[in-house]
C-alpha atoms as a PDB file:
ATOM      1  CA  UNK A   1      50.525 -36.352  -1.737  1.00  0.00           C
ATOM      2  CA  UNK A   2      50.899 -32.737  -2.532  1.00  0.00           C
ATOM      3  CA  UNK A   3      48.175 -32.830  -5.184  1.00  0.00           C
ATOM      4  CA  UNK A   4      45.622 -33.996  -2.589  1.00  0.00           C
ATOM      5  CA  UNK A   5      46.338 -30.894  -0.489  1.00  0.00           C
ATOM      6  CA  UNK A   6      45.982 -28.632  -3.542  1.00  0.00           C
ATOM      7  CA  UNK A   7      42.722 -30.312  -4.521  1.00  0.00           C
ATOM      8  CA  UNK A   8      41.394 -29.795  -0.988  1.00  0.00           C
ATOM      9  CA  UNK A   9      42.386 -26.120  -1.039  1.00  0.00           C
ATOM     10  CA  UNK A  10      40.730 -25.611  -4.434  1.00  0.00           C
ATOM     11  CA  UNK A  11      37.565 -27.325  -3.193  1.00  0.00           C
ATOM     12  CA  UNK A  12      37.506 -25.167  -0.055  1.00  0.00           C
ATOM     13  CA  UNK A  13      38.023 -22.036  -2.167  1.00  0.00           C
ATOM     14  CA  UNK A  14      35.179 -23.060  -4.507  1.00  0.00           C
ATOM     15  CA  UNK A  15      32.826 -23.635  -1.558  1.00  0.00           C
ATOM     16  CA  UNK A  16      33.797 -20.262  -0.110  1.00  0.00           C
ATOM     17  CA  UNK A  17      33.079 -18.530  -3.450  1.00  0.00           C
ATOM     18  CA  UNK A  18      29.646 -20.146  -3.668  1.00  0.00           C
ATOM     19  CA  UNK A  19      28.836 -19.031  -0.125  1.00  0.00           C
ATOM     20  CA  UNK A  20      29.938 -15.449  -0.837  1.00  0.00           C
ATOM     21  CA  UNK A  21      27.872 -15.293  -4.042  1.00  0.00           C
ATOM     22  CA  UNK A  22      24.816 -16.629  -2.210  1.00  0.00           C
ATOM     23  CA  UNK A  23      25.247 -14.055   0.557  1.00  0.00           C
ATOM     24  CA  UNK A  24      25.518 -11.227  -1.999  1.00  0.00           C
ATOM     25  CA  UNK A  25      22.381 -12.435  -3.793  1.00  0.00           C
ATOM     26  CA  UNK A  26      20.395 -12.523  -0.544  1.00  0.00           C
ATOM     27  CA  UNK A  27      21.648  -9.060   0.464  1.00  0.00           C
ATOM     28  CA  UNK A  28      20.497  -7.569  -2.836  1.00  0.00           C
ATOM     29  CA  UNK A  29      16.923  -8.797  -2.487  1.00  0.00           C
ATOM     30  CA  UNK A  30      14.508  -5.993  -1.699  1.00  0.00           C
ATOM     31  CA  UNK A  31      12.264  -6.510   1.312  1.00  0.00           C
ATOM     32  CA  UNK A  32       8.605  -7.049   0.505  1.00  0.00           C
ATOM     33  CA  UNK A  33       6.565  -3.862   0.640  1.00  0.00           C
ATOM     34  CA  UNK A  34       3.984  -3.759   3.362  1.00  0.00           C
ATOM     35  CA  UNK A  35       0.445  -2.838   2.418  1.00  0.00           C
ATOM     36  CA  UNK A  36      -0.396   0.681   3.508  1.00  0.00           C
ATOM     37  CA  UNK A  37      -2.355   0.883   6.711  1.00  0.00           C
ATOM     38  CA  UNK A  38      -6.093   1.131   6.182  1.00  0.00           C
ATOM     39  CA  UNK A  39      -7.859   4.049   7.860  1.00  0.00           C
ATOM     40  CA  UNK A  40     -11.482   5.143   7.825  1.00  0.00           C
ATOM     41  CA  UNK A  41     -13.374   8.370   8.326  1.00  0.00           C
ATOM     42  CA  UNK A  42     -17.105   8.877   8.554  1.00  0.00           C
ATOM     43  CA  UNK A  43     -19.123  11.898   7.641  1.00  0.00           C
ATOM     44  CA  UNK A  44     -21.946  13.429   5.651  1.00  0.00           C
ATOM     45  CA  UNK A  45     -21.638  14.189   1.947  1.00  0.00           C
ATOM     46  CA  UNK A  46     -21.637  17.952   1.373  1.00  0.00           C
ATOM     47  CA  UNK A  47     -20.878  17.866  -2.361  1.00  0.00           C
ATOM     48  CA  UNK A  48     -20.113  15.416  -5.168  1.00  0.00           C
ATOM     49  CA  UNK A  49     -18.237  16.653  -8.249  1.00  0.00           C
ATOM     50  CA  UNK A  50     -18.166  13.667 -10.590  1.00  0.00           C
ATOM     51  CA  UNK A  51     -16.503  15.699 -13.356  1.00  0.00           C
ATOM     52  CA  UNK A  52     -13.484  16.516 -11.175  1.00  0.00           C
ATOM     53  CA  UNK A  53     -13.775  13.261  -9.139  1.00  0.00           C
ATOM     54  CA  UNK A  54     -14.077  15.171  -5.843  1.00  0.00           C
ATOM     55  CA  UNK A  55     -16.056  14.305  -2.726  1.00  0.00           C
ATOM     56  CA  UNK A  56     -16.577  16.867   0.035  1.00  0.00           C
ATOM     57  CA  UNK A  57     -17.467  15.529   3.481  1.00  0.00           C
ATOM     58  CA  UNK A  58     -18.482  17.089   6.781  1.00  0.00           C
ATOM     59  CA  UNK A  59     -16.812  14.858   9.370  1.00  0.00           C
ATOM     60  CA  UNK A  60     -18.353  14.044  12.734  1.00  0.00           C
ATOM     61  CA  UNK A  61     -15.792  16.421  14.243  1.00  0.00           C
ATOM     62  CA  UNK A  62     -17.253  19.271  12.180  1.00  0.00           C
ATOM     63  CA  UNK A  63     -14.413  19.640   9.667  1.00  0.00           C
ATOM     64  CA  UNK A  64     -14.977  19.663   5.930  1.00  0.00           C
ATOM     65  CA  UNK A  65     -12.650  17.534   3.826  1.00  0.00           C
ATOM     66  CA  UNK A  66     -12.484  17.435   0.053  1.00  0.00           C
ATOM     67  CA  UNK A  67     -11.107  14.176  -1.289  1.00  0.00           C
ATOM     68  CA  UNK A  68      -9.878  13.213  -4.748  1.00  0.00           C
ATOM     69  CA  UNK A  69     -11.388   9.817  -5.537  1.00  0.00           C
ATOM     70  CA  UNK A  70     -11.887   7.420  -8.429  1.00  0.00           C
ATOM     71  CA  UNK A  71     -15.014   8.695 -10.208  1.00  0.00           C
ATOM     72  CA  UNK A  72     -16.526   5.177 -10.082  1.00  0.00           C
ATOM     73  CA  UNK A  73     -16.665   5.416  -6.282  1.00  0.00           C
ATOM     74  CA  UNK A  74     -18.929   8.480  -6.519  1.00  0.00           C
ATOM     75  CA  UNK A  75     -21.697   6.674  -8.399  1.00  0.00           C
ATOM     76  CA  UNK A  76     -24.942   6.765  -6.422  1.00  0.00           C
ATOM     77  CA  UNK A  77     -23.707   9.280  -3.838  1.00  0.00           C
ATOM     78  CA  UNK A  78     -25.589  12.494  -3.205  1.00  0.00           C
ATOM     79  CA  UNK A  79     -25.587  15.410  -0.816  1.00  0.00           C
ATOM     80  CA  UNK A  80     -26.749  14.352   2.646  1.00  0.00           C
ATOM     81  CA  UNK A  81     -25.631  10.716   2.416  1.00  0.00           C
ATOM     82  CA  UNK A  82     -23.835   9.428   5.481  1.00  0.00           C
ATOM     83  CA  UNK A  83     -20.702   7.548   4.408  1.00  0.00           C
ATOM     84  CA  UNK A  84     -17.613   5.786   5.644  1.00  0.00           C
ATOM     85  CA  UNK A  85     -14.533   6.398   3.497  1.00  0.00           C
ATOM     86  CA  UNK A  86     -11.794   3.786   3.614  1.00  0.00           C
ATOM     87  CA  UNK A  87      -8.216   4.720   2.732  1.00  0.00           C
ATOM     88  CA  UNK A  88      -5.191   2.627   1.800  1.00  0.00           C
ATOM     89  CA  UNK A  89      -2.393   5.047   2.587  1.00  0.00           C
ATOM     90  CA  UNK A  90      -3.527   8.350   1.064  1.00  0.00           C
ATOM     91  CA  UNK A  91      -5.679   6.772  -1.644  1.00  0.00           C
ATOM     92  CA  UNK A  92      -9.446   6.326  -1.199  1.00  0.00           C
ATOM     93  CA  UNK A  93     -10.062   2.602  -1.493  1.00  0.00           C
ATOM     94  CA  UNK A  94     -13.825   2.430  -0.889  1.00  0.00           C
ATOM     95  CA  UNK A  95     -16.852   4.524   0.051  1.00  0.00           C
ATOM     96  CA  UNK A  96     -19.628   2.803   2.003  1.00  0.00           C
ATOM     97  CA  UNK A  97     -23.066   4.368   2.511  1.00  0.00           C
ATOM     98  CA  UNK A  98     -24.229   4.206   6.124  1.00  0.00           C
ATOM     99  CA  UNK A  99     -27.805   3.687   7.238  1.00  0.00           C
ATOM    100  CA  UNK A 100     -29.584   6.520   8.983  1.00  0.00           C
END
């Protein structure tokens, strides 16, 4: 009779160990990173420096902003173009020419 009680205690201890290990594994998982919020600004191109990958804009509010961008995004842009610049966090994700 006594061996049945010992077997039950060992089984309960084994189940408890499995539950603790599972809880530790779940606690160590890193939460998924959220995508940075997308923001947009519009303005007129004041200067394009393809060599340094810089774009200078005059915003609708009258401020000038110089942005570091991927040089590929500057292709086809020239002074006077009206653009919308889309950011993912602090990085320029896209530049869209606007009509008019």
